[in-house]
Amino acid sequence: GTAEQIVMISRFDNLGKGASGAAVQCMNLMLGLTEDTGL
C-alpha cells in the first residue's frame, strides 16, 4: 500500500493452518513433541 492506505494479506490453507494442520500443531505442543512433527 501507501503511507495513507495499507492492505495486509494473510494467505494459507483453510484445511491446513486453518483447520487440521493447526489442530495437529497444537497436539504436538501439548504432547511435548517437535511442533512441526507430521506437518
PDB file of all heavy atoms in Angstrom:
ATOM      1  N   GLY A   1       0.804  -1.212   0.000  1.00  0.00           N
ATOM      2  CA  GLY A   1       0.000   0.000   0.000  1.00  0.00           C
ATOM      3  C   GLY A   1       0.831   1.254   0.000  1.00  0.00           C
ATOM      4  O   GLY A   1       1.965   1.279  -0.505  1.00  0.00           O
ATOM      5  N   THR A   2       0.283   2.308   0.599  1.00  0.00           N
ATOM      6  CA  THR A   2       0.919   3.621   0.637  1.00  0.00           C
ATOM      7  C   THR A   2       0.994   4.105   2.078  1.00  0.00           C
ATOM      8  O   THR A   2       0.546   3.422   3.000  1.00  0.00           O
ATOM      9  CB  THR A   2       0.105   4.637  -0.186  1.00  0.00           C
ATOM     10  OG1 THR A   2      -1.157   4.868   0.480  1.00  0.00           O
ATOM     11  CG2 THR A   2      -0.155   4.124  -1.605  1.00  0.00           C
ATOM     12  N   ALA A   3       1.516   5.295   2.253  1.00  0.00           N
ATOM     13  CA  ALA A   3       1.610   5.879   3.595  1.00  0.00           C
ATOM     14  C   ALA A   3       0.225   6.195   4.164  1.00  0.00           C
ATOM     15  O   ALA A   3       0.067   6.312   5.385  1.00  0.00           O
ATOM     16  CB  ALA A   3       2.456   7.145   3.559  1.00  0.00           C
ATOM     17  N   GLU A   4      -0.780   6.306   3.300  1.00  0.00           N
ATOM     18  CA  GLU A   4      -2.133   6.631   3.749  1.00  0.00           C
ATOM     19  C   GLU A   4      -3.037   5.406   3.858  1.00  0.00           C
ATOM     20  O   GLU A   4      -3.903   5.339   4.740  1.00  0.00           O
ATOM     21  CB  GLU A   4      -2.796   7.634   2.787  1.00  0.00           C
ATOM     22  CG  GLU A   4      -2.170   9.006   2.765  1.00  0.00           C
ATOM     23  CD  GLU A   4      -0.874   9.057   1.967  1.00  0.00           C
ATOM     24  OE1 GLU A   4      -0.739   8.257   0.996  1.00  0.00           O
ATOM     25  OE2 GLU A   4       0.019   9.848   2.324  1.00  0.00           O
ATOM     26  N   GLN A   5      -2.857   4.435   2.962  1.00  0.00           N
ATOM     27  CA  GLN A   5      -3.730   3.266   2.922  1.00  0.00           C
ATOM     28  C   GLN A   5      -2.891   2.003   2.774  1.00  0.00           C
ATOM     29  O   GLN A   5      -2.098   1.883   1.838  1.00  0.00           O
ATOM     30  CB  GLN A   5      -4.716   3.378   1.762  1.00  0.00           C
ATOM     31  CG  GLN A   5      -5.690   4.545   1.904  1.00  0.00           C
ATOM     32  CD  GLN A   5      -6.538   4.735   0.661  1.00  0.00           C
ATOM     33  OE1 GLN A   5      -6.023   4.673  -0.454  1.00  0.00           O
ATOM     34  NE2 GLN A   5      -7.832   4.955   0.855  1.00  0.00           N
ATOM     35  N   ILE A   6      -3.077   1.077   3.694  1.00  0.00           N
ATOM     36  CA  ILE A   6      -2.301  -0.164   3.721  1.00  0.00           C
ATOM     37  C   ILE A   6      -3.252  -1.345   3.601  1.00  0.00           C
ATOM     38  O   ILE A   6      -4.360  -1.333   4.153  1.00  0.00           O
ATOM     39  CB  ILE A   6      -1.477  -0.266   5.024  1.00  0.00           C
ATOM     40  CG1 ILE A   6      -0.386   0.814   5.056  1.00  0.00           C
ATOM     41  CG2 ILE A   6      -0.852  -1.651   5.173  1.00  0.00           C
ATOM     42  CD1 ILE A   6       0.390   0.866   6.349  1.00  0.00           C
ATOM     43  N   VAL A   7      -2.831  -2.354   2.876  1.00  0.00           N
ATOM     44  CA  VAL A   7      -3.564  -3.623   2.812  1.00  0.00           C
ATOM     45  C   VAL A   7      -2.665  -4.711   3.379  1.00  0.00           C
ATOM     46  O   VAL A   7      -1.541  -4.912   2.917  1.00  0.00           O
ATOM     47  CB  VAL A   7      -3.975  -3.973   1.369  1.00  0.00           C
ATOM     48  CG1 VAL A   7      -4.629  -5.358   1.323  1.00  0.00           C
ATOM     49  CG2 VAL A   7      -4.952  -2.922   0.826  1.00  0.00           C
ATOM     50  N   MET A   8      -3.169  -5.396   4.394  1.00  0.00           N
ATOM     51  CA  MET A   8      -2.469  -6.531   4.992  1.00  0.00           C
ATOM     52  C   MET A   8      -3.124  -7.810   4.476  1.00  0.00           C
ATOM     53  O   MET A   8      -4.352  -7.917   4.421  1.00  0.00           O
ATOM     54  CB  MET A   8      -2.539  -6.464   6.514  1.00  0.00           C
ATOM     55  CG  MET A   8      -2.053  -5.147   7.083  1.00  0.00           C
ATOM     56  SD  MET A   8      -2.096  -5.151   8.878  1.00  0.00           S
ATOM     57  CE  MET A   8      -0.775  -6.314   9.228  1.00  0.00           C
ATOM     58  N   ILE A   9      -2.299  -8.790   4.119  1.00  0.00           N
ATOM     59  CA  ILE A   9      -2.795 -10.017   3.493  1.00  0.00           C
ATOM     60  C   ILE A   9      -2.240 -11.232   4.233  1.00  0.00           C
ATOM     61  O   ILE A   9      -1.035 -11.309   4.510  1.00  0.00           O
ATOM     62  CB  ILE A   9      -2.363 -10.096   2.014  1.00  0.00           C
ATOM     63  CG1 ILE A   9      -2.867  -8.867   1.247  1.00  0.00           C
ATOM     64  CG2 ILE A   9      -2.865 -11.379   1.366  1.00  0.00           C
ATOM     65  CD1 ILE A   9      -2.222  -8.703  -0.117  1.00  0.00           C
ATOM     66  N   SER A  10      -3.132 -12.154   4.527  1.00  0.00           N
ATOM     67  CA  SER A  10      -2.746 -13.425   5.142  1.00  0.00           C
ATOM     68  C   SER A  10      -3.181 -14.545   4.207  1.00  0.00           C
ATOM     69  O   SER A  10      -4.362 -14.656   3.872  1.00  0.00           O
ATOM     70  CB  SER A  10      -3.429 -13.570   6.505  1.00  0.00           C
ATOM     71  OG  SER A  10      -3.108 -14.795   7.118  1.00  0.00           O
ATOM     72  N   ARG A  11      -2.230 -15.370   3.746  1.00  0.00           N
ATOM     73  CA  ARG A  11      -2.531 -16.453   2.791  1.00  0.00           C
ATOM     74  C   ARG A  11      -2.123 -17.793   3.397  1.00  0.00           C
ATOM     75  O   ARG A  11      -0.996 -17.955   3.890  1.00  0.00           O
ATOM     76  CB  ARG A  11      -1.797 -16.221   1.474  1.00  0.00           C
ATOM     77  CG  ARG A  11      -2.014 -17.354   0.482  1.00  0.00           C
ATOM     78  CD  ARG A  11      -1.615 -16.986  -0.932  1.00  0.00           C
ATOM     79  NE  ARG A  11      -0.185 -16.741  -1.108  1.00  0.00           N
ATOM     80  CZ  ARG A  11       0.384 -16.515  -2.282  1.00  0.00           C
ATOM     81  NH1 ARG A  11      -0.341 -16.468  -3.388  1.00  0.00           N
ATOM     82  NH2 ARG A  11       1.688 -16.303  -2.362  1.00  0.00           N
ATOM     83  N   PHE A  12      -3.032 -18.767   3.321  1.00  0.00           N
ATOM     84  CA  PHE A  12      -2.777 -20.081   3.930  1.00  0.00           C
ATOM     85  C   PHE A  12      -3.806 -21.068   3.401  1.00  0.00           C
ATOM     86  O   PHE A  12      -4.638 -20.728   2.556  1.00  0.00           O
ATOM     87  CB  PHE A  12      -2.837 -19.990   5.461  1.00  0.00           C
ATOM     88  CG  PHE A  12      -4.132 -19.431   6.003  1.00  0.00           C
ATOM     89  CD1 PHE A  12      -5.090 -20.251   6.556  1.00  0.00           C
ATOM     90  CD2 PHE A  12      -4.393 -18.058   5.957  1.00  0.00           C
ATOM     91  CE1 PHE A  12      -6.275 -19.743   7.050  1.00  0.00           C
ATOM     92  CE2 PHE A  12      -5.584 -17.534   6.450  1.00  0.00           C
ATOM     93  CZ  PHE A  12      -6.519 -18.374   6.995  1.00  0.00           C
ATOM     94  N   ASP A  13      -3.759 -22.299   3.902  1.00  0.00           N
ATOM     95  CA  ASP A  13      -4.724 -23.326   3.505  1.00  0.00           C
ATOM     96  C   ASP A  13      -5.807 -23.401   4.564  1.00  0.00           C
ATOM     97  O   ASP A  13      -5.520 -23.648   5.740  1.00  0.00           O
ATOM     98  CB  ASP A  13      -4.020 -24.673   3.365  1.00  0.00           C
ATOM     99  CG  ASP A  13      -4.939 -25.785   2.852  1.00  0.00           C
ATOM    100  OD1 ASP A  13      -6.126 -25.503   2.589  1.00  0.00           O
ATOM    101  OD2 ASP A  13      -4.471 -26.928   2.720  1.00  0.00           O
ATOM    102  N   ASN A  14      -7.056 -23.211   4.166  1.00  0.00           N
ATOM    103  CA  ASN A  14      -8.149 -23.304   5.133  1.00  0.00           C
ATOM    104  C   ASN A  14      -8.245 -24.691   5.768  1.00  0.00           C
ATOM    105  O   ASN A  14      -8.765 -24.837   6.877  1.00  0.00           O
ATOM    106  CB  ASN A  14      -9.491 -22.937   4.486  1.00  0.00           C
ATOM    107  CG  ASN A  14      -9.836 -23.807   3.298  1.00  0.00           C
ATOM    108  OD1 ASN A  14      -9.224 -23.707   2.238  1.00  0.00           O
ATOM    109  ND2 ASN A  14     -10.825 -24.679   3.456  1.00  0.00           N
ATOM    110  N   LEU A  15      -7.742 -25.726   5.096  1.00  0.00           N
ATOM    111  CA  LEU A  15      -7.725 -27.072   5.670  1.00  0.00           C
ATOM    112  C   LEU A  15      -6.420 -27.372   6.408  1.00  0.00           C
ATOM    113  O   LEU A  15      -6.313 -28.400   7.078  1.00  0.00           O
ATOM    114  CB  LEU A  15      -7.929 -28.123   4.569  1.00  0.00           C
ATOM    115  CG  LEU A  15      -9.271 -28.098   3.857  1.00  0.00           C
ATOM    116  CD1 LEU A  15      -9.316 -29.201   2.804  1.00  0.00           C
ATOM    117  CD2 LEU A  15     -10.430 -28.243   4.826  1.00  0.00           C
ATOM    118  N   GLY A  16      -5.419 -26.492   6.271  1.00  0.00           N
ATOM    119  CA  GLY A  16      -4.123 -26.678   6.906  1.00  0.00           C
ATOM    120  C   GLY A  16      -4.029 -25.849   8.166  1.00  0.00           C
ATOM    121  O   GLY A  16      -4.562 -26.214   9.213  1.00  0.00           O
ATOM    122  N   LYS A  17      -3.347 -24.694   8.069  1.00  0.00           N
ATOM    123  CA  LYS A  17      -3.236 -23.802   9.227  1.00  0.00           C
ATOM    124  C   LYS A  17      -4.608 -23.316   9.670  1.00  0.00           C
ATOM    125  O   LYS A  17      -4.779 -22.891  10.814  1.00  0.00           O
ATOM    126  CB  LYS A  17      -2.325 -22.617   8.863  1.00  0.00           C
ATOM    127  CG  LYS A  17      -2.010 -21.681  10.026  1.00  0.00           C
ATOM    128  CD  LYS A  17      -1.303 -22.374  11.167  1.00  0.00           C
ATOM    129  CE  LYS A  17      -0.873 -21.363  12.227  1.00  0.00           C
ATOM    130  NZ  LYS A  17      -0.628 -22.020  13.532  1.00  0.00           N
ATOM    131  N   GLY A  18      -5.605 -23.413   8.782  1.00  0.00           N
ATOM    132  CA  GLY A  18      -6.953 -23.009   9.135  1.00  0.00           C
ATOM    133  C   GLY A  18      -7.800 -24.098   9.766  1.00  0.00           C
ATOM    134  O   GLY A  18      -8.942 -23.844  10.134  1.00  0.00           O
ATOM    135  N   ALA A  19      -7.272 -25.315   9.917  1.00  0.00           N
ATOM    136  CA  ALA A  19      -8.089 -26.402  10.483  1.00  0.00           C
ATOM    137  C   ALA A  19      -7.212 -27.548  10.975  1.00  0.00           C
ATOM    138  O   ALA A  19      -6.657 -27.502  12.070  1.00  0.00           O
ATOM    139  CB  ALA A  19      -9.117 -26.883   9.460  1.00  0.00           C
ATOM    140  N   SER A  20      -7.062 -28.601  10.157  1.00  0.00           N
ATOM    141  CA  SER A  20      -6.417 -29.831  10.621  1.00  0.00           C
ATOM    142  C   SER A  20      -4.945 -29.625  10.962  1.00  0.00           C
ATOM    143  O   SER A  20      -4.436 -30.180  11.941  1.00  0.00           O
ATOM    144  CB  SER A  20      -6.557 -30.930   9.564  1.00  0.00           C
ATOM    145  OG  SER A  20      -5.876 -30.593   8.375  1.00  0.00           O
ATOM    146  N   GLY A  21      -4.227 -28.855  10.147  1.00  0.00           N
ATOM    147  CA  GLY A  21      -2.815 -28.615  10.443  1.00  0.00           C
ATOM    148  C   GLY A  21      -2.628 -27.895  11.759  1.00  0.00           C
ATOM    149  O   GLY A  21      -1.742 -28.232  12.556  1.00  0.00           O
ATOM    150  N   ALA A  22      -3.474 -26.893  12.019  1.00  0.00           N
ATOM    151  CA  ALA A  22      -3.401 -26.169  13.290  1.00  0.00           C
ATOM    152  C   ALA A  22      -3.709 -27.098  14.460  1.00  0.00           C
ATOM    153  O   ALA A  22      -3.078 -27.011  15.524  1.00  0.00           O
ATOM    154  CB  ALA A  22      -4.381 -25.001  13.275  1.00  0.00           C
ATOM    155  N   ALA A  23      -4.672 -28.002  14.274  1.00  0.00           N
ATOM    156  CA  ALA A  23      -5.024 -28.944  15.342  1.00  0.00           C
ATOM    157  C   ALA A  23      -3.850 -29.867  15.673  1.00  0.00           C
ATOM    158  O   ALA A  23      -3.528 -30.102  16.844  1.00  0.00           O
ATOM    159  CB  ALA A  23      -6.245 -29.762  14.922  1.00  0.00           C
ATOM    160  N   VAL A  24      -3.189 -30.403  14.634  1.00  0.00           N
ATOM    161  CA  VAL A  24      -2.043 -31.287  14.853  1.00  0.00           C
ATOM    162  C   VAL A  24      -0.873 -30.513  15.463  1.00  0.00           C
ATOM    163  O   VAL A  24      -0.164 -31.020  16.342  1.00  0.00           O
ATOM    164  CB  VAL A  24      -1.638 -31.969  13.533  1.00  0.00           C
ATOM    165  CG1 VAL A  24      -0.345 -32.760  13.703  1.00  0.00           C
ATOM    166  CG2 VAL A  24      -2.762 -32.886  13.050  1.00  0.00           C
ATOM    167  N   GLN A  25      -0.652 -29.294  15.017  1.00  0.00           N
ATOM    168  CA  GLN A  25       0.397 -28.450  15.590  1.00  0.00           C
ATOM    169  C   GLN A  25       0.179 -28.266  17.089  1.00  0.00           C
ATOM    170  O   GLN A  25       1.112 -28.412  17.893  1.00  0.00           O
ATOM    171  CB  GLN A  25       0.405 -27.095  14.895  1.00  0.00           C
ATOM    172  CG  GLN A  25       1.430 -26.103  15.454  1.00  0.00           C
ATOM    173  CD  GLN A  25       1.280 -24.715  14.835  1.00  0.00           C
ATOM    174  OE1 GLN A  25       0.487 -24.508  13.912  1.00  0.00           O
ATOM    175  NE2 GLN A  25       2.033 -23.755  15.342  1.00  0.00           N
ATOM    176  N   CYS A  26      -1.058 -27.960  17.485  1.00  0.00           N
ATOM    177  CA  CYS A  26      -1.358 -27.792  18.911  1.00  0.00           C
ATOM    178  C   CYS A  26      -1.185 -29.109  19.670  1.00  0.00           C
ATOM    179  O   CYS A  26      -0.671 -29.121  20.798  1.00  0.00           O
ATOM    180  CB  CYS A  26      -2.774 -27.257  19.089  1.00  0.00           C
ATOM    181  SG  CYS A  26      -2.988 -25.523  18.629  1.00  0.00           S
ATOM    182  N   MET A  27      -1.605 -30.218  19.063  1.00  0.00           N
ATOM    183  CA  MET A  27      -1.416 -31.516  19.711  1.00  0.00           C
ATOM    184  C   MET A  27       0.065 -31.779  19.962  1.00  0.00           C
ATOM    185  O   MET A  27       0.455 -32.264  21.041  1.00  0.00           O
ATOM    186  CB  MET A  27      -1.995 -32.632  18.840  1.00  0.00           C
ATOM    187  CG  MET A  27      -1.870 -34.013  19.455  1.00  0.00           C
ATOM    188  SD  MET A  27      -1.803 -35.380  18.260  1.00  0.00           S
ATOM    189  CE  MET A  27      -0.163 -35.123  17.560  1.00  0.00           C
ATOM    190  N   ASN A  28       0.904 -31.493  18.981  1.00  0.00           N
ATOM    191  CA  ASN A  28       2.341 -31.706  19.155  1.00  0.00           C
ATOM    192  C   ASN A  28       2.865 -30.915  20.349  1.00  0.00           C
ATOM    193  O   ASN A  28       3.659 -31.432  21.161  1.00  0.00           O
ATOM    194  CB  ASN A  28       3.094 -31.293  17.887  1.00  0.00           C
ATOM    195  CG  ASN A  28       2.901 -32.265  16.737  1.00  0.00           C
ATOM    196  OD1 ASN A  28       2.583 -33.436  16.937  1.00  0.00           O
ATOM    197  ND2 ASN A  28       3.105 -31.791  15.521  1.00  0.00           N
ATOM    198  N   LEU A  29       2.443 -29.663  20.470  1.00  0.00           N
ATOM    199  CA  LEU A  29       2.884 -28.845  21.595  1.00  0.00           C
ATOM    200  C   LEU A  29       2.376 -29.424  22.916  1.00  0.00           C
ATOM    201  O   LEU A  29       3.115 -29.477  23.904  1.00  0.00           O
ATOM    202  CB  LEU A  29       2.380 -27.408  21.431  1.00  0.00           C
ATOM    203  CG  LEU A  29       3.003 -26.595  20.299  1.00  0.00           C
ATOM    204  CD1 LEU A  29       2.267 -25.267  20.120  1.00  0.00           C
ATOM    205  CD2 LEU A  29       4.484 -26.333  20.570  1.00  0.00           C
ATOM    206  N   MET A  30       1.137 -29.876  22.949  1.00  0.00           N
ATOM    207  CA  MET A  30       0.556 -30.427  24.172  1.00  0.00           C
ATOM    208  C   MET A  30       1.246 -31.705  24.611  1.00  0.00           C
ATOM    209  O   MET A  30       1.334 -32.002  25.811  1.00  0.00           O
ATOM    210  CB  MET A  30      -0.935 -30.669  23.964  1.00  0.00           C
ATOM    211  CG  MET A  30      -1.750 -29.402  23.760  1.00  0.00           C
ATOM    212  SD  MET A  30      -3.444 -29.736  23.228  1.00  0.00           S
ATOM    213  CE  MET A  30      -4.177 -30.346  24.753  1.00  0.00           C
ATOM    214  N   LEU A  31       1.747 -32.475  23.639  1.00  0.00           N
ATOM    215  CA  LEU A  31       2.422 -33.740  23.964  1.00  0.00           C
ATOM    216  C   LEU A  31       3.928 -33.577  24.126  1.00  0.00           C
ATOM    217  O   LEU A  31       4.649 -34.560  24.325  1.00  0.00           O
ATOM    218  CB  LEU A  31       2.132 -34.772  22.873  1.00  0.00           C
ATOM    219  CG  LEU A  31       0.674 -35.223  22.745  1.00  0.00           C
ATOM    220  CD1 LEU A  31       0.523 -36.227  21.607  1.00  0.00           C
ATOM    221  CD2 LEU A  31       0.162 -35.823  24.056  1.00  0.00           C
ATOM    222  N   GLY A  32       4.418 -32.340  24.019  1.00  0.00           N
ATOM    223  CA  GLY A  32       5.852 -32.096  24.182  1.00  0.00           C
ATOM    224  C   GLY A  32       6.682 -32.548  23.005  1.00  0.00           C
ATOM    225  O   GLY A  32       7.892 -32.789  23.146  1.00  0.00           O
ATOM    226  N   LEU A  33       6.047 -32.649  21.830  1.00  0.00           N
ATOM    227  CA  LEU A  33       6.744 -33.074  20.629  1.00  0.00           C
ATOM    228  C   LEU A  33       7.233 -31.866  19.838  1.00  0.00           C
ATOM    229  O   LEU A  33       6.795 -30.739  20.065  1.00  0.00           O
ATOM    230  CB  LEU A  33       5.812 -33.913  19.748  1.00  0.00           C
ATOM    231  CG  LEU A  33       5.178 -35.137  20.428  1.00  0.00           C
ATOM    232  CD1 LEU A  33       4.148 -35.780  19.497  1.00  0.00           C
ATOM    233  CD2 LEU A  33       6.244 -36.137  20.827  1.00  0.00           C
ATOM    234  N   THR A  34       8.124 -32.089  18.892  1.00  0.00           N
ATOM    235  CA  THR A  34       8.545 -31.017  17.996  1.00  0.00           C
ATOM    236  C   THR A  34       7.324 -30.493  17.262  1.00  0.00           C
ATOM    237  O   THR A  34       6.505 -31.259  16.749  1.00  0.00           O
ATOM    238  CB  THR A  34       9.582 -31.533  16.983  1.00  0.00           C
ATOM    239  OG1 THR A  34      10.691 -32.086  17.718  1.00  0.00           O
ATOM    240  CG2 THR A  34      10.073 -30.400  16.108  1.00  0.00           C
ATOM    241  N   GLU A  35       7.189 -29.168  17.213  1.00  0.00           N
ATOM    242  CA  GLU A  35       5.977 -28.522  16.735  1.00  0.00           C
ATOM    243  C   GLU A  35       5.553 -28.940  15.333  1.00  0.00           C
ATOM    244  O   GLU A  35       4.364 -29.078  15.055  1.00  0.00           O
ATOM    245  CB  GLU A  35       6.185 -27.011  16.772  1.00  0.00           C
ATOM    246  CG  GLU A  35       4.998 -26.173  16.401  1.00  0.00           C
ATOM    247  CD  GLU A  35       5.291 -24.690  16.551  1.00  0.00           C
ATOM    248  OE1 GLU A  35       6.470 -24.336  16.809  1.00  0.00           O
ATOM    249  OE2 GLU A  35       4.356 -23.893  16.417  1.00  0.00           O
ATOM    250  N   ASP A  36       6.505 -29.182  14.457  1.00  0.00           N
ATOM    251  CA  ASP A  36       6.159 -29.484  13.071  1.00  0.00           C
ATOM    252  C   ASP A  36       6.164 -30.971  12.746  1.00  0.00           C
ATOM    253  O   ASP A  36       6.125 -31.358  11.578  1.00  0.00           O
ATOM    254  CB  ASP A  36       7.095 -28.748  12.114  1.00  0.00           C
ATOM    255  CG  ASP A  36       8.558 -29.144  12.306  1.00  0.00           C
ATOM    256  OD1 ASP A  36       8.860 -29.940  13.213  1.00  0.00           O
ATOM    257  OD2 ASP A  36       9.411 -28.636  11.531  1.00  0.00           O
ATOM    258  N   THR A  37       6.149 -31.819  13.764  1.00  0.00           N
ATOM    259  CA  THR A  37       6.113 -33.273  13.522  1.00  0.00           C
ATOM    260  C   THR A  37       4.860 -33.630  12.727  1.00  0.00           C
ATOM    261  O   THR A  37       3.744 -33.275  13.093  1.00  0.00           O
ATOM    262  CB  THR A  37       6.112 -34.052  14.853  1.00  0.00           C
ATOM    263  OG1 THR A  37       7.263 -33.682  15.614  1.00  0.00           O
ATOM    264  CG2 THR A  37       6.133 -35.551  14.599  1.00  0.00           C
ATOM    265  N   GLY A  38       5.040 -34.315  11.617  1.00  0.00           N
ATOM    266  CA  GLY A  38       3.916 -34.723  10.781  1.00  0.00           C
ATOM    267  C   GLY A  38       3.335 -33.621   9.920  1.00  0.00           C
ATOM    268  O   GLY A  38       2.349 -33.834   9.226  1.00  0.00           O
ATOM    269  N   LEU A  39       3.936 -32.439   9.973  1.00  0.00           N
ATOM    270  CA  LEU A  39       3.407 -31.295   9.225  1.00  0.00           C
ATOM    271  C   LEU A  39       4.395 -30.809   8.172  1.00  0.00           C
ATOM    272  O   LEU A  39       4.158 -29.787   7.552  1.00  0.00           O
ATOM    273  CB  LEU A  39       3.052 -30.143  10.181  1.00  0.00           C
ATOM    274  CG  LEU A  39       1.927 -30.456  11.184  1.00  0.00           C
ATOM    275  CD1 LEU A  39       1.806 -29.352  12.218  1.00  0.00           C
ATOM    276  CD2 LEU A  39       0.604 -30.638  10.447  1.00  0.00           C
TER     277      LEU A  39
END
